[in-house]
Structure formats: structure tokens, C-alpha cells
Amino acid sequence: MAEFSFSDLETIIRDRAHSGDPDSWTAKLFARGIDKAAQKLGEEAVETVIAAVKGDRQGLVSESADLIYHWFVVLGLSDVPLSDVLKELESRTGRSGIAEKASRPKG
């Protein structure tokens, strides 16, 4: 079996986004818009943090999957491809995190 990738997930979400499938959570999230998707992303982030703090390994794995999925939905609704995020991460490599953070625009 081939390894599942973020690119695979991005493609699946893009394909399901406007499918009109009444059983597709992705289609429902896209229909509800960015506010609902961002709310779900925030909820999943909190649940991921709680699982990590509790030391709940399986919970952390499960909640991380939910978090990543909802993050991809928010990126899709915002017309931000994963490649843009990866380019940003790449531009930060080789710099210290402290220096990178200091170089960000204030505000």
C-alpha cells in the first residue's frame, strides 16, 4: 500500500468540497463556509492540546488527524494551497526560530 500524503488529503478535500454529496462532511463544511470551518479547526486544536497534556497517545493521534483535516479544509476555503505553506516553512529553515520571529512584521 502506498503511503498516504498531505498531497493526497488536499486532493481528496478539493474533490469532495463541491461534490454536493449529502453524506460528505467535507461538502457540508464547504457549504457552511469559513466561519464554521475555522470554528471546527479551533475546537480540534483544543482537543489536540488536551490529549497531549493528558499523555493520551491514541487520543493525540486521533485528534491530530482531525486537526490536520480541518486545517486543510480552512486552507481550501481560503484558496491557500499546501504548497504555499510548505514554501513558507522552507523559507524559514536555516534561520533560528527566534531570528525568524523577530523578522516578522509587527501588528
C-alpha atoms as a PDB file:
ATOM      1  CA  MET A   1       0.000   0.000   0.000  1.00  0.00           C
ATOM      2  CA  ALA A   2       1.330   3.429  -0.939  1.00  0.00           C
ATOM      3  CA  GLU A   3       1.914   5.890   1.872  1.00  0.00           C
ATOM      4  CA  PHE A   4      -0.861   8.448   2.390  1.00  0.00           C
ATOM      5  CA  SER A   5       0.380  12.018   1.980  1.00  0.00           C
ATOM      6  CA  PHE A   6      -0.756  15.551   2.680  1.00  0.00           C
ATOM      7  CA  SER A   7      -0.999  15.962  -1.078  1.00  0.00           C
ATOM      8  CA  ASP A   8      -3.456  13.041  -1.162  1.00  0.00           C
ATOM      9  CA  LEU A   9      -5.529  14.671   1.574  1.00  0.00           C
ATOM     10  CA  GLU A  10      -5.520  18.019  -0.218  1.00  0.00           C
ATOM     11  CA  THR A  11      -6.752  16.335  -3.414  1.00  0.00           C
ATOM     12  CA  ILE A  12      -9.499  14.402  -1.612  1.00  0.00           C
ATOM     13  CA  ILE A  13     -10.748  17.543   0.129  1.00  0.00           C
ATOM     14  CA  ARG A  14     -10.684  19.531  -3.116  1.00  0.00           C
ATOM     15  CA  ASP A  15     -12.626  16.767  -4.912  1.00  0.00           C
ATOM     16  CA  ARG A  16     -15.260  16.480  -2.187  1.00  0.00           C
ATOM     17  CA  ALA A  17     -15.596  20.206  -1.483  1.00  0.00           C
ATOM     18  CA  HIS A  18     -18.256  20.922  -4.075  1.00  0.00           C
ATOM     19  CA  SER A  19     -19.429  17.378  -4.758  1.00  0.00           C
ATOM     20  CA  GLY A  20     -22.924  18.023  -3.429  1.00  0.00           C
ATOM     21  CA  ASP A  21     -22.769  14.642  -1.708  1.00  0.00           C
ATOM     22  CA  PRO A  22     -25.203  14.876   1.238  1.00  0.00           C
ATOM     23  CA  ASP A  23     -23.108  12.308   3.136  1.00  0.00           C
ATOM     24  CA  SER A  24     -19.846  14.244   2.745  1.00  0.00           C
ATOM     25  CA  TRP A  25     -18.696  16.135   5.848  1.00  0.00           C
ATOM     26  CA  THR A  26     -16.250  17.998   3.605  1.00  0.00           C
ATOM     27  CA  ALA A  27     -19.031  19.182   1.286  1.00  0.00           C
ATOM     28  CA  LYS A  28     -21.081  20.284   4.307  1.00  0.00           C
ATOM     29  CA  LEU A  29     -18.168  22.252   5.772  1.00  0.00           C
ATOM     30  CA  PHE A  30     -17.506  23.991   2.461  1.00  0.00           C
ATOM     31  CA  ALA A  31     -21.209  24.842   2.161  1.00  0.00           C
ATOM     32  CA  ARG A  32     -21.226  26.307   5.680  1.00  0.00           C
ATOM     33  CA  GLY A  33     -18.211  28.467   4.924  1.00  0.00           C
ATOM     34  CA  ILE A  34     -15.055  29.687   6.572  1.00  0.00           C
ATOM     35  CA  ASP A  35     -16.612  30.663   9.910  1.00  0.00           C
ATOM     36  CA  LYS A  36     -17.834  27.127  10.647  1.00  0.00           C
ATOM     37  CA  ALA A  37     -14.656  25.509   9.326  1.00  0.00           C
ATOM     38  CA  ALA A  38     -12.455  27.830  11.389  1.00  0.00           C
ATOM     39  CA  GLN A  39     -14.576  27.118  14.467  1.00  0.00           C
ATOM     40  CA  LYS A  40     -14.078  23.378  13.937  1.00  0.00           C
ATOM     41  CA  LEU A  41     -10.341  23.914  13.448  1.00  0.00           C
ATOM     42  CA  GLY A  42     -10.168  25.738  16.770  1.00  0.00           C
ATOM     43  CA  GLU A  43     -12.146  23.024  18.548  1.00  0.00           C
ATOM     44  CA  GLU A  44      -9.855  20.333  17.174  1.00  0.00           C
ATOM     45  CA  ALA A  45      -6.774  22.328  18.196  1.00  0.00           C
ATOM     46  CA  VAL A  46      -8.037  22.498  21.785  1.00  0.00           C
ATOM     47  CA  GLU A  47      -8.877  18.783  21.799  1.00  0.00           C
ATOM     48  CA  THR A  48      -5.390  18.008  20.462  1.00  0.00           C
ATOM     49  CA  VAL A  49      -3.768  20.065  23.220  1.00  0.00           C
ATOM     50  CA  ILE A  50      -5.885  18.355  25.888  1.00  0.00           C
ATOM     51  CA  ALA A  51      -4.911  14.896  24.624  1.00  0.00           C
ATOM     52  CA  ALA A  52      -1.227  15.891  24.602  1.00  0.00           C
ATOM     53  CA  VAL A  53      -1.311  17.325  28.124  1.00  0.00           C
ATOM     54  CA  LYS A  54      -3.100  14.222  29.421  1.00  0.00           C
ATOM     55  CA  GLY A  55      -0.476  11.989  27.824  1.00  0.00           C
ATOM     56  CA  ASP A  56      -3.229  10.230  25.859  1.00  0.00           C
ATOM     57  CA  ARG A  57      -1.211   8.880  22.939  1.00  0.00           C
ATOM     58  CA  GLN A  58      -4.135   7.400  20.980  1.00  0.00           C
ATOM     59  CA  GLY A  59      -6.223  10.498  21.665  1.00  0.00           C
ATOM     60  CA  LEU A  60      -3.364  12.658  20.422  1.00  0.00           C
ATOM     61  CA  VAL A  61      -3.103  10.624  17.223  1.00  0.00           C
ATOM     62  CA  SER A  62      -6.860  10.792  16.622  1.00  0.00           C
ATOM     63  CA  GLU A  63      -7.237  14.472  17.470  1.00  0.00           C
ATOM     64  CA  SER A  64      -4.161  15.340  15.388  1.00  0.00           C
ATOM     65  CA  ALA A  65      -5.787  13.683  12.376  1.00  0.00           C
ATOM     66  CA  ASP A  66      -8.952  15.732  12.987  1.00  0.00           C
ATOM     67  CA  LEU A  67      -6.874  18.895  13.400  1.00  0.00           C
ATOM     68  CA  ILE A  68      -4.939  18.344  10.181  1.00  0.00           C
ATOM     69  CA  TYR A  69      -8.124  17.553   8.239  1.00  0.00           C
ATOM     70  CA  HIS A  70      -9.889  20.711   9.434  1.00  0.00           C
ATOM     71  CA  TRP A  71      -6.734  22.775   8.786  1.00  0.00           C
ATOM     72  CA  PHE A  72      -6.772  21.555   5.177  1.00  0.00           C
ATOM     73  CA  VAL A  73     -10.455  22.486   4.881  1.00  0.00           C
ATOM     74  CA  VAL A  74      -9.697  26.018   6.123  1.00  0.00           C
ATOM     75  CA  LEU A  75      -6.796  26.275   3.668  1.00  0.00           C
ATOM     76  CA  GLY A  76      -9.087  25.098   0.861  1.00  0.00           C
ATOM     77  CA  LEU A  77     -11.828  27.557   1.744  1.00  0.00           C
ATOM     78  CA  SER A  78      -9.203  30.310   1.828  1.00  0.00           C
ATOM     79  CA  ASP A  79      -7.723  29.308  -1.552  1.00  0.00           C
ATOM     80  CA  VAL A  80      -4.339  28.667   0.062  1.00  0.00           C
ATOM     81  CA  PRO A  81      -2.645  25.593  -1.409  1.00  0.00           C
ATOM     82  CA  LEU A  82      -0.440  23.424   0.781  1.00  0.00           C
ATOM     83  CA  SER A  83       2.473  24.338  -1.483  1.00  0.00           C
ATOM     84  CA  ASP A  84       2.276  27.944  -0.227  1.00  0.00           C
ATOM     85  CA  VAL A  85       2.538  26.770   3.380  1.00  0.00           C
ATOM     86  CA  LEU A  86       5.429  24.460   2.522  1.00  0.00           C
ATOM     87  CA  LYS A  87       7.253  27.298   0.738  1.00  0.00           C
ATOM     88  CA  GLU A  88       6.855  29.443   3.848  1.00  0.00           C
ATOM     89  CA  LEU A  89       8.229  26.668   6.038  1.00  0.00           C
ATOM     90  CA  GLU A  90      11.113  26.136   3.631  1.00  0.00           C
ATOM     91  CA  SER A  91      11.957  29.845   3.729  1.00  0.00           C
ATOM     92  CA  ARG A  92      12.299  29.578   7.500  1.00  0.00           C
ATOM     93  CA  THR A  93      14.770  26.703   7.520  1.00  0.00           C
ATOM     94  CA  GLY A  94      18.343  27.661   8.211  1.00  0.00           C
ATOM     95  CA  ARG A  95      17.278  30.574  10.411  1.00  0.00           C
ATOM     96  CA  SER A  96      16.876  30.379  14.127  1.00  0.00           C
ATOM     97  CA  GLY A  97      13.260  30.442  15.243  1.00  0.00           C
ATOM     98  CA  ILE A  98      13.999  33.463  17.397  1.00  0.00           C
ATOM     99  CA  ALA A  99      15.507  35.416  14.482  1.00  0.00           C
ATOM    100  CA  GLU A 100      12.668  34.364  12.171  1.00  0.00           C
ATOM    101  CA  LYS A 101      10.028  35.507  14.639  1.00  0.00           C
ATOM    102  CA  ALA A 102      11.815  38.834  15.166  1.00  0.00           C
ATOM    103  CA  SER A 103      11.831  39.423  11.388  1.00  0.00           C
ATOM    104  CA  ARG A 104       8.028  39.195  11.086  1.00  0.00           C
ATOM    105  CA  PRO A 105       6.118  42.436  10.565  1.00  0.00           C
ATOM    106  CA  LYS A 106       4.713  43.847  13.785  1.00  0.00           C
ATOM    107  CA  GLY A 107       0.990  44.270  14.189  1.00  0.00           C
END
